[in-house]
């Protein structure tokens, strides 16, 4: 088993600078980061819905598969977050409104 925390650990028979080893390590590390990012997104959505629920507001039903993958909605979401980081919330609010659960 390869220790993902040790970037210089070798797989038996390989050296740390073997390009195939580094490529494999990069792919596995990126996959781990993508999983962690997706988990953070799910938690953020859950927390925002908890807040909305406690304030008697409709919940946001995010298209999780779309937000988590490569898609136009994901690009809109990321752009809205970038604008919100600059204190401009109109895109993020509009996106939330678009995915409100309707009773």
Protein backbone atom coordinates (compact mmCIF):
# COMPACT_ATOMS: atom_id res chain seq x y z
CA UNK A 1 0.00 0.00 0.00
CA UNK A 2 1.32 3.43 -0.95
CA UNK A 3 1.30 6.12 1.74
CA UNK A 4 -0.42 9.10 0.06
CA UNK A 5 1.03 11.41 2.72
CA UNK A 6 4.60 10.64 1.68
CA UNK A 7 5.19 12.12 -1.79
CA UNK A 8 8.56 10.41 -2.10
CA UNK A 9 7.47 6.93 -1.08
CA UNK A 10 8.28 4.50 -3.85
CA UNK A 11 6.25 1.67 -5.24
CA UNK A 12 8.33 -1.48 -5.21
CA UNK A 13 10.74 -1.47 -8.14
CA UNK A 14 10.29 2.24 -8.93
CA UNK A 15 12.28 5.31 -8.06
CA UNK A 16 10.62 8.53 -6.84
CA UNK A 17 11.40 10.28 -10.13
CA UNK A 18 9.88 7.61 -12.38
CA UNK A 19 7.47 9.64 -14.60
CA UNK A 20 4.82 6.92 -14.55
CA UNK A 21 4.96 6.85 -10.76
CA UNK A 22 4.63 10.64 -10.52
CA UNK A 23 1.79 10.67 -13.04
CA UNK A 24 -0.06 7.96 -11.11
CA UNK A 25 0.52 9.85 -7.84
CA UNK A 26 -0.77 13.08 -9.41
CA UNK A 27 -3.92 11.39 -10.70
CA UNK A 28 -4.63 9.75 -7.33
CA UNK A 29 -3.96 12.98 -5.41
CA UNK A 30 -6.21 14.96 -7.74
CA UNK A 31 -8.98 12.38 -7.31
CA UNK A 32 -8.68 12.72 -3.52
CA UNK A 33 -8.85 16.53 -3.78
CA UNK A 34 -11.90 16.32 -6.06
CA UNK A 35 -13.67 14.05 -3.56
CA UNK A 36 -12.82 16.43 -0.70
CA UNK A 37 -14.05 19.43 -2.72
CA UNK A 38 -17.31 17.66 -3.56
CA UNK A 39 -17.81 16.82 0.12
CA UNK A 40 -17.22 20.46 1.09
CA UNK A 41 -19.79 21.60 -1.49
CA UNK A 42 -22.37 19.13 -0.15
CA UNK A 43 -21.76 20.30 3.42
CA UNK A 44 -22.07 23.96 2.43
CA UNK A 45 -25.36 23.24 0.66
CA UNK A 46 -26.64 21.31 3.65
CA UNK A 47 -25.71 24.10 6.07
CA UNK A 48 -27.35 26.76 3.92
CA UNK A 49 -30.54 24.67 3.77
CA UNK A 50 -30.48 24.23 7.56
CA UNK A 51 -30.27 28.01 7.94
CA UNK A 52 -33.09 28.53 5.43
CA UNK A 53 -35.24 25.92 7.18
CA UNK A 54 -34.76 27.52 10.62
CA UNK A 55 -35.87 30.85 9.10
CA UNK A 56 -38.99 29.36 7.46
CA UNK A 57 -37.61 29.86 3.96
CA UNK A 58 -37.86 27.46 1.00
CA UNK A 59 -34.91 25.13 0.59
CA UNK A 60 -32.53 25.16 -2.35
CA UNK A 61 -32.55 21.91 -4.36
CA UNK A 62 -29.12 21.98 -6.02
CA UNK A 63 -28.55 19.71 -9.01
CA UNK A 64 -25.69 17.97 -7.19
CA UNK A 65 -24.55 15.91 -10.16
CA UNK A 66 -24.39 19.07 -12.25
CA UNK A 67 -22.72 21.27 -9.63
CA UNK A 68 -20.12 18.60 -8.85
CA UNK A 69 -19.19 17.83 -12.44
CA UNK A 70 -18.16 19.77 -15.49
CA UNK A 71 -21.23 21.66 -16.64
CA UNK A 72 -22.56 25.12 -17.44
CA UNK A 73 -24.30 25.21 -14.01
CA UNK A 74 -20.99 24.49 -12.26
CA UNK A 75 -19.33 27.32 -14.19
CA UNK A 76 -22.17 29.67 -13.18
CA UNK A 77 -21.84 28.53 -9.58
CA UNK A 78 -18.08 29.07 -9.48
CA UNK A 79 -18.43 32.50 -11.08
CA UNK A 80 -21.12 33.43 -8.55
CA UNK A 81 -18.83 32.35 -5.70
CA UNK A 82 -15.97 34.42 -7.11
CA UNK A 83 -18.22 37.47 -7.28
CA UNK A 84 -19.50 36.81 -3.75
CA UNK A 85 -15.88 36.78 -2.56
CA UNK A 86 -15.78 40.39 -3.83
CA UNK A 87 -18.99 41.23 -1.88
CA UNK A 88 -21.15 41.10 -5.01
CA UNK A 89 -23.91 38.59 -4.20
CA UNK A 90 -26.40 39.16 -7.02
CA UNK A 91 -25.26 36.15 -9.12
CA UNK A 92 -25.23 33.81 -6.13
CA UNK A 93 -28.67 34.97 -4.98
CA UNK A 94 -30.05 34.55 -8.51
CA UNK A 95 -28.62 31.03 -8.70
CA UNK A 96 -30.15 30.15 -5.33
CA UNK A 97 -33.53 31.49 -6.45
CA UNK A 98 -33.35 29.42 -9.63
CA UNK A 99 -33.07 26.19 -7.64
CA UNK A 100 -35.56 26.91 -4.85
CA UNK A 101 -37.85 24.01 -4.04
CA UNK A 102 -41.37 24.84 -5.07
CA UNK A 103 -44.21 23.39 -2.97
